[in-house]
Amino acid sequence: MQKVYFLYHILYEDTDDEDVKMVGIYSSYKQAELSIERHKNKPGFIDFPDGFQIIEDVVNRDGWADGFVDLPE
């Protein structure tokens, strides 16, 4: 099972104004952390240093295996 690490930068999480940027996909958690170090002082990221999130996933595995249903609010 090969793992990958998605690095996102998310502003205003769980709001109507949520802004999600995919920064990159890395072969190790450490590589994703190094990417944060490279990006955290750049325009757009510097004002929101806590917006980075690393998400672990597995290659060749279905994500929405049970489908997707819009639930009424």
Protein backbone atom coordinates (compact mmCIF):
# COMPACT_ATOMS: atom_id res chain seq x y z
CA MET A 1 0.00 0.00 0.00
CA GLN A 2 1.67 3.22 -1.17
CA LYS A 3 0.83 6.34 0.80
CA VAL A 4 0.81 9.90 -0.51
CA TYR A 5 0.44 13.18 1.33
CA PHE A 6 -1.73 15.99 -0.03
CA LEU A 7 -0.83 19.49 1.08
CA TYR A 8 -3.67 22.00 1.09
CA HIS A 9 -3.91 25.59 2.17
CA ILE A 10 -7.41 26.38 3.43
CA LEU A 11 -8.84 29.77 4.36
CA TYR A 12 -12.12 30.26 6.18
CA GLU A 13 -12.69 26.54 6.70
CA ASP A 14 -16.34 25.43 6.90
CA THR A 15 -17.73 28.81 5.82
CA ASP A 16 -19.46 30.03 2.65
CA ASP A 17 -16.20 31.82 1.76
CA GLU A 18 -13.97 28.73 2.12
CA ASP A 19 -10.93 28.95 -0.19
CA VAL A 20 -9.01 25.70 -0.77
CA LYS A 21 -5.72 25.52 -2.65
CA MET A 22 -3.98 22.25 -3.50
CA VAL A 23 -0.31 23.04 -2.94
CA GLY A 24 1.08 19.63 -3.90
CA ILE A 25 1.19 15.84 -3.49
CA TYR A 26 4.20 14.31 -1.75
CA SER A 27 5.71 10.89 -1.17
CA SER A 28 6.25 11.46 2.56
CA TYR A 29 4.90 13.56 5.40
CA LYS A 30 8.36 15.09 5.77
CA GLN A 31 8.35 16.25 2.12
CA ALA A 32 4.96 17.92 2.69
CA GLU A 33 6.35 19.66 5.79
CA LEU A 34 9.34 20.89 3.78
CA SER A 35 6.93 22.32 1.21
CA ILE A 36 5.17 24.27 3.97
CA GLU A 37 8.54 25.75 4.92
CA ARG A 38 9.12 26.78 1.29
CA HIS A 39 5.68 28.35 0.93
CA LYS A 40 4.84 29.89 4.31
CA ASN A 41 6.61 33.21 3.64
CA LYS A 42 5.26 33.70 0.12
CA PRO A 43 2.48 36.11 -0.87
CA GLY A 44 -0.97 34.80 -0.02
CA PHE A 45 0.37 32.24 2.45
CA ILE A 46 2.33 34.57 4.73
CA ASP A 47 -0.84 36.20 6.09
CA PHE A 48 -2.42 32.83 6.94
CA PRO A 49 0.36 30.53 8.23
CA ASP A 50 -2.08 28.24 10.05
CA GLY A 51 -4.00 27.38 6.88
CA PHE A 52 -1.77 24.46 5.84
CA GLN A 53 -3.14 20.93 6.18
CA ILE A 54 -1.47 17.64 5.29
CA ILE A 55 -3.84 14.79 4.42
CA GLU A 56 -2.58 11.20 4.15
CA ASP A 57 -4.15 8.92 1.53
CA VAL A 58 -3.40 5.68 -0.30
CA VAL A 59 -2.68 5.33 -4.03
CA ASN A 60 -5.08 3.25 -6.18
CA ARG A 61 -7.91 3.24 -3.66
CA ASP A 62 -11.35 4.54 -4.52
CA GLY A 63 -12.49 7.58 -2.58
CA TRP A 64 -16.32 7.84 -2.78
CA ALA A 65 -16.73 4.02 -2.75
CA ASP A 66 -20.35 4.26 -1.56
CA GLY A 67 -21.26 7.02 -4.02
CA PHE A 68 -22.20 10.62 -3.34
CA VAL A 69 -25.58 11.89 -2.26
CA ASP A 70 -26.54 15.53 -1.72
CA LEU A 71 -28.33 15.64 1.62
CA PRO A 72 -31.05 18.22 2.11
CA GLU A 73 -30.21 21.02 4.52
